[in-house]
Every structure is written in C-alpha cells, then in structure tokens.
Amino acid sequence: MDRRVRDERDDQNASDNGQNLAAIRRGTLFVGFAGALWEMPLWGPFAFFSRGGLRGAAAGRRVKHGAPGPRRNGHGRLGRLELPDLLQQCREKVSRLAFRRAFSEKVRAGALRVLDDLSLPEAKTRLFAGLLASLEIERPVLVVVDRLEPNVALAARNLPGVDLVRAADVNTAQLLRFPSVLLTRAGLQAVLDRLSKAGGGAE
C-alpha cells in the first residue's frame, strides 16, 4: 500500500515538474520576444516589408556574406551576357559560316568570273548586255562590285536576270540563287576581306 502511494506521488511530482518546465520555457520565450521588441526602433516591424520581404533579405545575405553578384562593366551596366544577345551572336555566326560555305562552293564549281574593272560610257542596257555577251556569260548572273558606278547601275537595272550588288552587301541567298557570279577585282578583294574578318578566308 505504501509503495503504491509512493508511486502515485512520484508520478504526480513528475507531471508537476513537466508542467513547470513548459511554463518556464514559455515565459522565457515571451520575455525574450518582449525584450527584442523593446530594443527595436518603432519602424523595425515594417522594415521587412519595406525592404522587399524575403527577396530583400536574400539580397542582404548575399551582400553580407560576400556572395558573387552580377558583374558590371566600367559604365555601371551589367556585364552578364543576356539571352537575347547570345541568340543574336549565334545567328550572326551561323550567317557568316553560311556565306563562307556558299562562296567556297562557287569557287569549287568554277562559277566565278573576275574582271579588272566594270564601267560603261553610257547608261544603256544594250551596252551592259553586249558586255555579258562578249564575256560569254549567260543570264541569270550576279554582278559584284566594290562600288556602284552610276552608268553601270542604271544599265543593269532594266536587264532581266542581272542583279548588281556591292561586295559589302552581297549575301548567302544571292550566291545560292544565281548560277554564275561576275566580280570586279576590287569587288573580289572586298569579299575576301569580309571572309577574313569573319574568322577565315575562302576554303
């Protein structure tokens, strides 16, 4: 009997001790929280929202701990390569490779003819047609020059199957569309300069 009473008394004491410990913990948390509020400035509770919430807190931690952020160049702009810039660079690179390949194919096929110079005394279509006939060049033909002479440009404008273009403006589609290409020597040099600037000469 005494042992049973003693056991019940021990259980009651343990229960009381557990309740007291829980109360002490709650009181400690409350006192700590109250102390923090007492030492915090009046605007402190609103700082979390005014600084961007979790996003601002994450940025603060990144700066505090020295985590690397986006690099900036000397003008204060972001030096990081953005996706649209990367896509544009890829398109330009593919375009240059296609132009080099098309020009190389014309060289291999023997479809290029080179003139020392291309000039006409008058802006007459028949004069340009006679020049092509004397060179035994059949139309359609792509004519590439370094600069457009007024008489040549006007004479070639109304001639079917002839496309006159500057070397700086000729593109891959034109090289593929025309079976024959007539270049002036200066125009050929300008095309070769384009190929060398693009990262390599003609194959």
C-alpha atoms as a PDB file:
ATOM      1  CA  MET A   1       0.000   0.000   0.000  1.00  0.00           C
ATOM      2  CA  ASP A   2       2.747   2.375   0.926  1.00  0.00           C
ATOM      3  CA  ARG A   3       4.567   1.542  -2.263  1.00  0.00           C
ATOM      4  CA  ARG A   4       1.505   2.308  -4.404  1.00  0.00           C
ATOM      5  CA  VAL A   5       1.013   5.653  -2.699  1.00  0.00           C
ATOM      6  CA  ARG A   6       4.682   6.417  -3.152  1.00  0.00           C
ATOM      7  CA  ASP A   7       4.472   5.614  -6.894  1.00  0.00           C
ATOM      8  CA  GLU A   8       1.391   7.787  -7.379  1.00  0.00           C
ATOM      9  CA  ARG A   9       3.120  10.611  -5.539  1.00  0.00           C
ATOM     10  CA  ASP A  10       6.196  10.296  -7.788  1.00  0.00           C
ATOM     11  CA  ASP A  11       4.031  10.353 -10.917  1.00  0.00           C
ATOM     12  CA  GLN A  12       2.258  13.463  -9.671  1.00  0.00           C
ATOM     13  CA  ASN A  13       5.565  15.167  -8.920  1.00  0.00           C
ATOM     14  CA  ALA A  14       6.911  14.306 -12.379  1.00  0.00           C
ATOM     15  CA  SER A  15       3.767  15.688 -14.007  1.00  0.00           C
ATOM     16  CA  ASP A  16       4.048  18.881 -11.983  1.00  0.00           C
ATOM     17  CA  ASN A  17       7.705  19.209 -12.854  1.00  0.00           C
ATOM     18  CA  GLY A  18       6.909  18.829 -16.584  1.00  0.00           C
ATOM     19  CA  GLN A  19       4.203  21.474 -16.420  1.00  0.00           C
ATOM     20  CA  ASN A  20       6.518  23.814 -14.553  1.00  0.00           C
ATOM     21  CA  LEU A  21       9.288  23.289 -17.131  1.00  0.00           C
ATOM     22  CA  ALA A  22       6.900  24.034 -20.003  1.00  0.00           C
ATOM     23  CA  ALA A  23       5.708  27.179 -18.254  1.00  0.00           C
ATOM     24  CA  ILE A  24       9.282  28.296 -17.684  1.00  0.00           C
ATOM     25  CA  ARG A  25      10.092  27.793 -21.384  1.00  0.00           C
ATOM     26  CA  ARG A  26       7.022  29.788 -22.475  1.00  0.00           C
ATOM     27  CA  GLY A  27       7.918  32.541 -20.076  1.00  0.00           C
ATOM     28  CA  THR A  28      11.495  32.656 -21.344  1.00  0.00           C
ATOM     29  CA  LEU A  29      10.348  32.917 -24.962  1.00  0.00           C
ATOM     30  CA  PHE A  30       7.879  35.662 -24.106  1.00  0.00           C
ATOM     31  CA  VAL A  31      10.466  37.638 -22.153  1.00  0.00           C
ATOM     32  CA  GLY A  32      12.997  37.301 -24.981  1.00  0.00           C
ATOM     33  CA  PHE A  33      10.472  38.398 -27.582  1.00  0.00           C
ATOM     34  CA  ALA A  34       9.320  41.321 -25.431  1.00  0.00           C
ATOM     35  CA  GLY A  35      12.924  42.391 -24.898  1.00  0.00           C
ATOM     36  CA  ALA A  36      13.615  42.302 -28.596  1.00  0.00           C
ATOM     37  CA  LEU A  37      10.561  44.451 -29.304  1.00  0.00           C
ATOM     38  CA  TRP A  38      11.600  46.883 -26.564  1.00  0.00           C
ATOM     39  CA  GLU A  39      15.059  47.363 -28.109  1.00  0.00           C
ATOM     40  CA  MET A  40      13.734  47.533 -31.701  1.00  0.00           C
ATOM     41  CA  PRO A  41      13.035  51.012 -33.182  1.00  0.00           C
ATOM     42  CA  LEU A  42       9.435  51.923 -33.900  1.00  0.00           C
ATOM     43  CA  TRP A  43       9.849  51.354 -37.636  1.00  0.00           C
ATOM     44  CA  GLY A  44      11.522  47.976 -37.095  1.00  0.00           C
ATOM     45  CA  PRO A  45       8.457  45.727 -37.710  1.00  0.00           C
ATOM     46  CA  PHE A  46       7.892  47.397 -41.075  1.00  0.00           C
ATOM     47  CA  ALA A  47      11.488  47.044 -42.275  1.00  0.00           C
ATOM     48  CA  PHE A  48      10.858  43.510 -43.533  1.00  0.00           C
ATOM     49  CA  PHE A  49       8.140  44.697 -45.910  1.00  0.00           C
ATOM     50  CA  SER A  50       9.772  47.988 -46.900  1.00  0.00           C
ATOM     51  CA  ARG A  51      12.994  46.218 -47.912  1.00  0.00           C
ATOM     52  CA  GLY A  52      11.363  43.721 -50.211  1.00  0.00           C
ATOM     53  CA  GLY A  53      10.467  40.882 -47.852  1.00  0.00           C
ATOM     54  CA  LEU A  54      12.236  37.608 -48.427  1.00  0.00           C
ATOM     55  CA  ARG A  55      13.781  38.863 -51.663  1.00  0.00           C
ATOM     56  CA  GLY A  56      15.356  41.827 -49.902  1.00  0.00           C
ATOM     57  CA  ALA A  57      16.500  39.628 -47.056  1.00  0.00           C
ATOM     58  CA  ALA A  58      18.153  37.226 -49.502  1.00  0.00           C
ATOM     59  CA  ALA A  59      19.898  40.117 -51.233  1.00  0.00           C
ATOM     60  CA  GLY A  60      21.096  41.385 -47.870  1.00  0.00           C
ATOM     61  CA  ARG A  61      22.528  37.996 -47.015  1.00  0.00           C
ATOM     62  CA  ARG A  62      24.275  37.820 -50.383  1.00  0.00           C
ATOM     63  CA  VAL A  63      25.958  41.171 -49.840  1.00  0.00           C
ATOM     64  CA  LYS A  64      26.752  40.380 -46.198  1.00  0.00           C
ATOM     65  CA  HIS A  65      28.366  37.050 -46.893  1.00  0.00           C
ATOM     66  CA  GLY A  66      30.196  38.236 -49.988  1.00  0.00           C
ATOM     67  CA  ALA A  67      28.368  36.018 -52.481  1.00  0.00           C
ATOM     68  CA  PRO A  68      29.213  36.942 -56.094  1.00  0.00           C
ATOM     69  CA  GLY A  69      26.551  39.022 -57.783  1.00  0.00           C
ATOM     70  CA  PRO A  70      26.185  40.088 -61.427  1.00  0.00           C
ATOM     71  CA  ARG A  71      29.336  41.682 -62.778  1.00  0.00           C
ATOM     72  CA  ARG A  72      29.279  45.238 -64.017  1.00  0.00           C
ATOM     73  CA  ASN A  73      31.452  46.918 -66.564  1.00  0.00           C
ATOM     74  CA  GLY A  74      33.075  50.332 -66.297  1.00  0.00           C
ATOM     75  CA  HIS A  75      29.873  52.111 -67.306  1.00  0.00           C
ATOM     76  CA  GLY A  76      27.838  50.606 -64.478  1.00  0.00           C
ATOM     77  CA  ARG A  77      25.906  48.288 -66.788  1.00  0.00           C
ATOM     78  CA  LEU A  78      25.507  44.589 -66.281  1.00  0.00           C
ATOM     79  CA  GLY A  79      28.376  42.717 -67.872  1.00  0.00           C
ATOM     80  CA  ARG A  80      26.457  39.444 -67.877  1.00  0.00           C
ATOM     81  CA  LEU A  81      25.608  38.113 -71.345  1.00  0.00           C
ATOM     82  CA  GLU A  82      21.824  38.165 -71.651  1.00  0.00           C
ATOM     83  CA  LEU A  83      19.939  35.508 -73.606  1.00  0.00           C
ATOM     84  CA  PRO A  84      18.793  37.785 -76.499  1.00  0.00           C
ATOM     85  CA  ASP A  85      22.417  38.885 -77.010  1.00  0.00           C
ATOM     86  CA  LEU A  86      23.579  35.289 -77.056  1.00  0.00           C
ATOM     87  CA  LEU A  87      20.949  34.326 -79.628  1.00  0.00           C
ATOM     88  CA  GLN A  88      21.899  37.294 -81.806  1.00  0.00           C
ATOM     89  CA  GLN A  89      25.558  36.288 -81.702  1.00  0.00           C
ATOM     90  CA  CYS A  90      24.631  32.733 -82.683  1.00  0.00           C
ATOM     91  CA  ARG A  91      22.585  33.969 -85.636  1.00  0.00           C
ATOM     92  CA  GLU A  92      25.419  36.198 -86.834  1.00  0.00           C
ATOM     93  CA  LYS A  93      27.932  33.381 -86.544  1.00  0.00           C
ATOM     94  CA  VAL A  94      25.708  30.970 -88.482  1.00  0.00           C
ATOM     95  CA  SER A  95      25.156  33.628 -91.166  1.00  0.00           C
ATOM     96  CA  ARG A  96      28.907  34.162 -91.592  1.00  0.00           C
ATOM     97  CA  LEU A  97      29.543  30.426 -91.832  1.00  0.00           C
ATOM     98  CA  ALA A  98      26.791  30.027 -94.442  1.00  0.00           C
ATOM     99  CA  PHE A  99      28.189  32.886 -96.538  1.00  0.00           C
ATOM    100  CA  ARG A 100      31.703  31.400 -96.449  1.00  0.00           C
ATOM    101  CA  ARG A 101      30.374  27.975 -97.419  1.00  0.00           C
ATOM    102  CA  ALA A 102      28.315  29.336-100.334  1.00  0.00           C
ATOM    103  CA  PHE A 103      31.253  31.348-101.666  1.00  0.00           C
ATOM    104  CA  SER A 104      33.569  28.341-101.367  1.00  0.00           C
ATOM    105  CA  GLU A 105      31.120  26.219-103.356  1.00  0.00           C
ATOM    106  CA  LYS A 106      31.119  28.814-106.156  1.00  0.00           C
ATOM    107  CA  VAL A 107      34.916  28.710-106.208  1.00  0.00           C
ATOM    108  CA  ARG A 108      34.957  24.900-106.404  1.00  0.00           C
ATOM    109  CA  ALA A 109      32.337  24.845-109.166  1.00  0.00           C
ATOM    110  CA  GLY A 110      34.253  27.392-111.261  1.00  0.00           C
ATOM    111  CA  ALA A 111      31.216  29.693-111.301  1.00  0.00           C
ATOM    112  CA  LEU A 112      33.231  32.863-110.603  1.00  0.00           C
ATOM    113  CA  ARG A 113      34.435  35.243-113.289  1.00  0.00           C
ATOM    114  CA  VAL A 114      36.705  38.172-112.440  1.00  0.00           C
ATOM    115  CA  LEU A 115      37.059  41.443-114.359  1.00  0.00           C
ATOM    116  CA  ASP A 116      39.729  44.057-113.818  1.00  0.00           C
ATOM    117  CA  ASP A 117      37.106  46.800-113.954  1.00  0.00           C
ATOM    118  CA  LEU A 118      33.487  47.323-114.913  1.00  0.00           C
ATOM    119  CA  SER A 119      32.484  50.654-116.431  1.00  0.00           C
ATOM    120  CA  LEU A 120      30.279  51.882-119.256  1.00  0.00           C
ATOM    121  CA  PRO A 121      30.462  55.125-121.263  1.00  0.00           C
ATOM    122  CA  GLU A 122      26.665  55.452-121.146  1.00  0.00           C
ATOM    123  CA  ALA A 123      23.824  54.187-119.038  1.00  0.00           C
ATOM    124  CA  LYS A 124      22.469  51.926-121.771  1.00  0.00           C
ATOM    125  CA  THR A 125      21.042  48.488-121.159  1.00  0.00           C
ATOM    126  CA  ARG A 126      22.251  47.231-124.531  1.00  0.00           C
ATOM    127  CA  LEU A 127      25.835  48.122-123.604  1.00  0.00           C
ATOM    128  CA  PHE A 128      25.672  46.001-120.478  1.00  0.00           C
ATOM    129  CA  ALA A 129      24.027  43.135-122.375  1.00  0.00           C
ATOM    130  CA  GLY A 130      26.761  43.370-125.031  1.00  0.00           C
ATOM    131  CA  LEU A 131      29.442  43.215-122.310  1.00  0.00           C
ATOM    132  CA  LEU A 132      27.962  39.998-120.918  1.00  0.00           C
ATOM    133  CA  ALA A 133      27.718  38.524-124.406  1.00  0.00           C
ATOM    134  CA  SER A 134      31.359  39.355-125.149  1.00  0.00           C
ATOM    135  CA  LEU A 135      32.387  37.575-121.950  1.00  0.00           C
ATOM    136  CA  GLU A 136      30.154  34.611-122.843  1.00  0.00           C
ATOM    137  CA  ILE A 137      28.282  34.927-119.593  1.00  0.00           C
ATOM    138  CA  GLU A 138      24.717  33.684-119.646  1.00  0.00           C
ATOM    139  CA  ARG A 139      21.978  35.092-117.503  1.00  0.00           C
ATOM    140  CA  PRO A 140      20.941  34.928-114.736  1.00  0.00           C
ATOM    141  CA  VAL A 141      24.136  36.318-113.263  1.00  0.00           C
ATOM    142  CA  LEU A 142      25.128  38.068-110.048  1.00  0.00           C
ATOM    143  CA  VAL A 143      27.447  41.028-110.581  1.00  0.00           C
ATOM    144  CA  VAL A 144      29.530  42.027-107.550  1.00  0.00           C
ATOM    145  CA  VAL A 145      31.420  45.323-107.498  1.00  0.00           C
ATOM    146  CA  ASP A 146      33.222  47.259-104.796  1.00  0.00           C
ATOM    147  CA  ARG A 147      31.225  50.431-105.526  1.00  0.00           C
ATOM    148  CA  LEU A 148      28.288  51.218-107.774  1.00  0.00           C
ATOM    149  CA  GLU A 149      29.098  53.240-110.895  1.00  0.00           C
ATOM    150  CA  PRO A 150      26.073  55.339-111.959  1.00  0.00           C
ATOM    151  CA  ASN A 151      26.156  54.235-115.624  1.00  0.00           C
ATOM    152  CA  VAL A 152      26.570  50.563-114.720  1.00  0.00           C
ATOM    153  CA  ALA A 153      23.829  50.694-112.107  1.00  0.00           C
ATOM    154  CA  LEU A 154      21.341  52.315-114.494  1.00  0.00           C
ATOM    155  CA  ALA A 155      22.242  49.952-117.356  1.00  0.00           C
ATOM    156  CA  ALA A 156      21.866  46.803-115.237  1.00  0.00           C
ATOM    157  CA  ARG A 157      18.664  47.962-113.583  1.00  0.00           C
ATOM    158  CA  ASN A 158      16.373  47.081-116.515  1.00  0.00           C
ATOM    159  CA  LEU A 159      18.234  43.981-117.688  1.00  0.00           C
ATOM    160  CA  PRO A 160      16.353  40.759-116.781  1.00  0.00           C
ATOM    161  CA  GLY A 161      18.332  38.114-114.961  1.00  0.00           C
ATOM    162  CA  VAL A 162      21.020  40.522-113.719  1.00  0.00           C
ATOM    163  CA  ASP A 163      21.480  41.567-110.110  1.00  0.00           C
ATOM    164  CA  LEU A 164      24.118  44.229-109.411  1.00  0.00           C
ATOM    165  CA  VAL A 165      25.256  44.415-105.790  1.00  0.00           C
ATOM    166  CA  ARG A 166      28.112  45.823-103.762  1.00  0.00           C
ATOM    167  CA  ALA A 167      30.572  43.380-102.202  1.00  0.00           C
ATOM    168  CA  ALA A 168      29.697  44.730 -98.770  1.00  0.00           C
ATOM    169  CA  ASP A 169      26.009  43.888 -99.323  1.00  0.00           C
ATOM    170  CA  VAL A 170      26.095  40.534-101.104  1.00  0.00           C
ATOM    171  CA  ASN A 171      24.525  37.769 -99.054  1.00  0.00           C
ATOM    172  CA  THR A 172      24.259  33.995 -98.964  1.00  0.00           C
ATOM    173  CA  ALA A 173      20.831  33.848-100.626  1.00  0.00           C
ATOM    174  CA  GLN A 174      22.141  35.733-103.675  1.00  0.00           C
ATOM    175  CA  LEU A 175      25.144  33.427-104.007  1.00  0.00           C
ATOM    176  CA  LEU A 176      22.861  30.400-103.922  1.00  0.00           C
ATOM    177  CA  ARG A 177      20.215  31.816-106.258  1.00  0.00           C
ATOM    178  CA  PHE A 178      22.494  32.771-109.172  1.00  0.00           C
ATOM    179  CA  PRO A 179      24.436  30.041-111.012  1.00  0.00           C
ATOM    180  CA  SER A 180      27.091  32.497-112.202  1.00  0.00           C
ATOM    181  CA  VAL A 181      28.895  35.297-110.391  1.00  0.00           C
ATOM    182  CA  LEU A 182      30.809  38.102-112.087  1.00  0.00           C
ATOM    183  CA  LEU A 183      33.122  40.104-109.838  1.00  0.00           C
ATOM    184  CA  THR A 184      35.438  43.004-110.373  1.00  0.00           C
ATOM    185  CA  ARG A 185      38.910  42.579-108.946  1.00  0.00           C
ATOM    186  CA  ALA A 186      38.201  45.187-106.282  1.00  0.00           C
ATOM    187  CA  GLY A 187      34.889  43.504-105.510  1.00  0.00           C
ATOM    188  CA  LEU A 188      36.592  40.128-105.078  1.00  0.00           C
ATOM    189  CA  GLN A 189      39.106  41.664-102.699  1.00  0.00           C
ATOM    190  CA  ALA A 190      36.273  43.202-100.682  1.00  0.00           C
ATOM    191  CA  VAL A 191      34.554  39.809-100.387  1.00  0.00           C
ATOM    192  CA  LEU A 192      37.813  38.184 -99.272  1.00  0.00           C
ATOM    193  CA  ASP A 193      38.212  40.912 -96.662  1.00  0.00           C
ATOM    194  CA  ARG A 194      34.731  40.095 -95.346  1.00  0.00           C
ATOM    195  CA  LEU A 195      35.659  36.431 -95.095  1.00  0.00           C
ATOM    196  CA  SER A 196      38.918  37.137 -93.281  1.00  0.00           C
ATOM    197  CA  LYS A 197      37.165  39.411 -90.762  1.00  0.00           C
ATOM    198  CA  ALA A 198      34.579  36.702 -90.191  1.00  0.00           C
ATOM    199  CA  GLY A 199      37.304  34.360 -88.988  1.00  0.00           C
ATOM    200  CA  GLY A 200      38.813  32.753 -92.041  1.00  0.00           C
ATOM    201  CA  GLY A 201      39.232  33.036 -95.775  1.00  0.00           C
ATOM    202  CA  ALA A 202      37.569  31.064 -98.515  1.00  0.00           C
ATOM    203  CA  GLU A 203      38.253  27.350 -98.427  1.00  0.00           C
END
